[in-house]
Amino acid sequence: MLILQRKEGESLLIGEDVEVTVMAVEAGRVRLAIQAPRSVTILRSELKVAAQANREAADDELSPLELLGVLKEQGKKE
């Protein structure tokens, strides 16, 4: 992991196409401006974690056909 210090208005480059600029630092928060080609996905890490958790939860659920079978069995019991 690379750790850098930047002041407001300073930038860093990632590769040749991505530039990250520190716009403001206030109250323990940092505002960043990211300039990148549209083909580059930019996603907050907590959203990536949430999406992965969502995928894992969906994998643990029954498939639609299995669910239909369960519902049919319940209908027969009633």
N, C-alpha and C. Protein backbone atom coordinates (compact mmCIF):
# COMPACT_ATOMS: atom_id res chain seq x y z
N MET A 1 0.85 -1.17 0.00
CA MET A 1 0.00 0.00 0.00
C MET A 1 0.90 1.23 0.00
N LEU A 2 0.54 2.16 -0.82
CA LEU A 2 1.26 3.43 -0.89
C LEU A 2 0.49 4.47 -0.08
N ILE A 3 1.18 5.19 0.77
CA ILE A 3 0.55 6.25 1.57
C ILE A 3 1.19 7.57 1.18
N LEU A 4 0.35 8.52 0.78
CA LEU A 4 0.82 9.83 0.36
C LEU A 4 0.16 10.91 1.20
N GLN A 5 0.83 12.02 1.32
CA GLN A 5 0.23 13.19 1.95
C GLN A 5 0.04 14.23 0.86
N ARG A 6 -1.14 14.82 0.83
CA ARG A 6 -1.45 15.86 -0.14
C ARG A 6 -2.17 16.98 0.59
N LYS A 7 -1.96 18.20 0.15
CA LYS A 7 -2.66 19.36 0.69
C LYS A 7 -3.78 19.73 -0.26
N GLU A 8 -4.69 20.60 0.23
CA GLU A 8 -5.76 21.08 -0.64
C GLU A 8 -5.19 21.61 -1.93
N GLY A 9 -5.83 21.24 -3.03
CA GLY A 9 -5.39 21.70 -4.34
C GLY A 9 -4.32 20.83 -4.98
N GLU A 10 -3.70 19.95 -4.23
CA GLU A 10 -2.67 19.08 -4.79
C GLU A 10 -3.32 17.82 -5.36
N SER A 11 -2.63 17.22 -6.32
CA SER A 11 -3.16 16.06 -7.03
C SER A 11 -2.20 14.89 -6.96
N LEU A 12 -2.70 13.75 -7.40
CA LEU A 12 -1.87 12.58 -7.65
C LEU A 12 -2.41 11.92 -8.90
N LEU A 13 -1.53 11.26 -9.61
CA LEU A 13 -1.91 10.59 -10.84
C LEU A 13 -1.87 9.08 -10.64
N ILE A 14 -2.85 8.41 -11.20
CA ILE A 14 -2.90 6.95 -11.21
C ILE A 14 -2.86 6.53 -12.66
N GLY A 15 -1.77 5.92 -13.04
CA GLY A 15 -1.58 5.61 -14.45
C GLY A 15 -1.45 6.92 -15.22
N GLU A 16 -1.88 6.91 -16.47
CA GLU A 16 -1.80 8.12 -17.28
C GLU A 16 -3.15 8.82 -17.41
N ASP A 17 -4.23 8.12 -17.02
CA ASP A 17 -5.57 8.64 -17.30
C ASP A 17 -6.36 9.11 -16.09
N VAL A 18 -5.90 8.82 -14.89
CA VAL A 18 -6.70 9.13 -13.70
C VAL A 18 -5.95 10.14 -12.83
N GLU A 19 -6.63 11.24 -12.50
CA GLU A 19 -6.06 12.26 -11.63
C GLU A 19 -7.00 12.47 -10.45
N VAL A 20 -6.45 12.41 -9.24
CA VAL A 20 -7.22 12.63 -8.02
C VAL A 20 -6.69 13.90 -7.37
N THR A 21 -7.60 14.86 -7.13
CA THR A 21 -7.23 16.14 -6.55
C THR A 21 -7.93 16.32 -5.21
N VAL A 22 -7.19 16.76 -4.20
CA VAL A 22 -7.78 17.06 -2.90
C VAL A 22 -8.44 18.43 -3.01
N MET A 23 -9.75 18.46 -2.87
CA MET A 23 -10.49 19.71 -3.01
C MET A 23 -10.62 20.44 -1.67
N ALA A 24 -10.85 19.68 -0.59
CA ALA A 24 -11.02 20.31 0.73
C ALA A 24 -10.78 19.29 1.83
N VAL A 25 -10.30 19.78 2.95
CA VAL A 25 -10.15 18.97 4.16
C VAL A 25 -10.79 19.77 5.27
N GLU A 26 -11.88 19.24 5.85
CA GLU A 26 -12.58 19.97 6.90
C GLU A 26 -13.35 18.99 7.78
N ALA A 27 -13.30 19.22 9.06
CA ALA A 27 -14.04 18.42 10.05
C ALA A 27 -13.79 16.92 9.88
N GLY A 28 -12.56 16.56 9.64
CA GLY A 28 -12.22 15.14 9.54
C GLY A 28 -12.65 14.48 8.24
N ARG A 29 -13.08 15.26 7.26
CA ARG A 29 -13.51 14.72 5.98
C ARG A 29 -12.65 15.30 4.86
N VAL A 30 -12.45 14.51 3.84
CA VAL A 30 -11.67 14.94 2.69
C VAL A 30 -12.58 14.90 1.46
N ARG A 31 -12.60 15.97 0.71
CA ARG A 31 -13.35 16.02 -0.55
C ARG A 31 -12.36 15.83 -1.68
N LEU A 32 -12.61 14.83 -2.52
CA LEU A 32 -11.73 14.51 -3.62
C LEU A 32 -12.43 14.75 -4.95
N ALA A 33 -11.69 15.20 -5.92
CA ALA A 33 -12.17 15.29 -7.30
C ALA A 33 -11.39 14.25 -8.10
N ILE A 34 -12.11 13.44 -8.84
CA ILE A 34 -11.47 12.38 -9.62
C ILE A 34 -11.78 12.61 -11.09
N GLN A 35 -10.73 12.74 -11.87
CA GLN A 35 -10.88 12.90 -13.31
C GLN A 35 -10.37 11.62 -13.95
N ALA A 36 -11.29 10.93 -14.65
CA ALA A 36 -10.93 9.66 -15.26
C ALA A 36 -11.79 9.44 -16.50
N PRO A 37 -11.33 8.59 -17.41
CA PRO A 37 -12.16 8.26 -18.57
C PRO A 37 -13.45 7.57 -18.13
N ARG A 38 -14.50 7.70 -18.92
CA ARG A 38 -15.78 7.07 -18.57
C ARG A 38 -15.66 5.55 -18.45
N SER A 39 -14.70 4.97 -19.10
CA SER A 39 -14.53 3.51 -19.07
C SER A 39 -13.98 3.02 -17.73
N VAL A 40 -13.51 3.93 -16.88
CA VAL A 40 -12.96 3.55 -15.58
C VAL A 40 -14.07 3.60 -14.53
N THR A 41 -14.29 2.48 -13.86
CA THR A 41 -15.30 2.41 -12.81
C THR A 41 -14.75 3.02 -11.54
N ILE A 42 -15.52 3.93 -10.95
CA ILE A 42 -15.15 4.54 -9.67
C ILE A 42 -16.27 4.22 -8.70
N LEU A 43 -15.94 3.53 -7.61
CA LEU A 43 -16.95 3.07 -6.67
C LEU A 43 -16.42 3.21 -5.26
N ARG A 44 -17.25 3.77 -4.37
CA ARG A 44 -16.85 3.85 -2.96
C ARG A 44 -16.72 2.43 -2.42
N SER A 45 -15.71 2.20 -1.58
CA SER A 45 -15.42 0.85 -1.11
C SER A 45 -16.58 0.24 -0.34
N GLU A 46 -17.32 1.05 0.42
CA GLU A 46 -18.45 0.48 1.18
C GLU A 46 -19.55 -0.02 0.26
N LEU A 47 -19.69 0.58 -0.92
CA LEU A 47 -20.68 0.09 -1.87
C LEU A 47 -20.24 -1.23 -2.48
N LYS A 48 -18.96 -1.38 -2.72
CA LYS A 48 -18.44 -2.65 -3.24
C LYS A 48 -18.65 -3.76 -2.23
N VAL A 49 -18.40 -3.48 -0.96
CA VAL A 49 -18.61 -4.47 0.11
C VAL A 49 -20.08 -4.84 0.20
N ALA A 50 -20.98 -3.84 0.13
CA ALA A 50 -22.42 -4.10 0.20
C ALA A 50 -22.88 -4.93 -0.99
N ALA A 51 -22.38 -4.64 -2.18
CA ALA A 51 -22.76 -5.39 -3.37
C ALA A 51 -22.31 -6.84 -3.24
N GLN A 52 -21.11 -7.06 -2.72
CA GLN A 52 -20.62 -8.43 -2.53
C GLN A 52 -21.47 -9.17 -1.52
N ALA A 53 -21.82 -8.52 -0.42
CA ALA A 53 -22.68 -9.14 0.59
C ALA A 53 -24.04 -9.48 -0.01
N ASN A 54 -24.56 -8.60 -0.85
CA ASN A 54 -25.85 -8.84 -1.51
C ASN A 54 -25.77 -10.06 -2.42
N ARG A 55 -24.67 -10.16 -3.19
CA ARG A 55 -24.49 -11.32 -4.07
C ARG A 55 -24.41 -12.61 -3.27
N GLU A 56 -23.67 -12.57 -2.16
CA GLU A 56 -23.54 -13.77 -1.34
C GLU A 56 -24.88 -14.17 -0.74
N ALA A 57 -25.68 -13.20 -0.31
CA ALA A 57 -27.00 -13.50 0.24
C ALA A 57 -27.90 -14.10 -0.84
N ALA A 58 -27.80 -13.57 -2.05
CA ALA A 58 -28.62 -14.09 -3.15
C ALA A 58 -28.21 -15.52 -3.49
N ASP A 59 -26.92 -15.83 -3.40
CA ASP A 59 -26.44 -17.19 -3.69
C ASP A 59 -26.97 -18.18 -2.67
N ASP A 60 -27.20 -17.74 -1.43
CA ASP A 60 -27.67 -18.62 -0.37
C ASP A 60 -29.17 -18.89 -0.47
N GLU A 61 -29.90 -18.08 -1.24
CA GLU A 61 -31.34 -18.25 -1.36
C GLU A 61 -31.66 -19.38 -2.33
N LEU A 62 -32.89 -19.83 -2.27
CA LEU A 62 -33.35 -20.86 -3.19
C LEU A 62 -33.48 -20.28 -4.59
N SER A 63 -33.26 -21.14 -5.58
CA SER A 63 -33.49 -20.71 -6.96
C SER A 63 -34.99 -20.55 -7.15
N PRO A 64 -35.42 -19.81 -8.18
CA PRO A 64 -36.86 -19.65 -8.42
C PRO A 64 -37.60 -20.98 -8.56
N LEU A 65 -36.98 -21.96 -9.22
CA LEU A 65 -37.63 -23.27 -9.37
C LEU A 65 -37.75 -23.99 -8.04
N GLU A 66 -36.71 -23.91 -7.21
CA GLU A 66 -36.77 -24.52 -5.89
C GLU A 66 -37.84 -23.85 -5.04
N LEU A 67 -37.93 -22.53 -5.11
CA LEU A 67 -38.93 -21.79 -4.36
C LEU A 67 -40.33 -22.18 -4.80
N LEU A 68 -40.53 -22.34 -6.11
CA LEU A 68 -41.84 -22.75 -6.63
C LEU A 68 -42.21 -24.13 -6.09
N GLY A 69 -41.23 -25.02 -6.04
CA GLY A 69 -41.48 -26.36 -5.48
C GLY A 69 -41.88 -26.29 -4.02
N VAL A 70 -41.23 -25.45 -3.25
CA VAL A 70 -41.57 -25.29 -1.84
C VAL A 70 -42.99 -24.76 -1.69
N LEU A 71 -43.34 -23.77 -2.51
CA LEU A 71 -44.68 -23.20 -2.45
C LEU A 71 -45.74 -24.24 -2.84
N LYS A 72 -45.46 -25.06 -3.84
CA LYS A 72 -46.41 -26.11 -4.24
C LYS A 72 -46.61 -27.11 -3.11
N GLU A 73 -45.53 -27.50 -2.43
CA GLU A 73 -45.62 -28.43 -1.31
C GLU A 73 -46.46 -27.86 -0.18
N GLN A 74 -46.30 -26.58 0.10
CA GLN A 74 -47.09 -25.93 1.16
C GLN A 74 -48.56 -25.89 0.77
N GLY A 75 -48.84 -25.69 -0.51
CA GLY A 75 -50.22 -25.66 -0.98
C GLY A 75 -50.90 -27.01 -0.84
N LYS A 76 -50.15 -28.08 -1.01
CA LYS A 76 -50.70 -29.44 -0.86
C LYS A 76 -51.05 -29.75 0.59
N LYS A 77 -50.27 -29.19 1.53
CA LYS A 77 -50.49 -29.44 2.95
C LYS A 77 -51.74 -28.76 3.48
N GLU A 78 -52.12 -27.67 2.84
CA GLU A 78 -53.25 -26.88 3.33
C GLU A 78 -54.51 -27.39 2.79
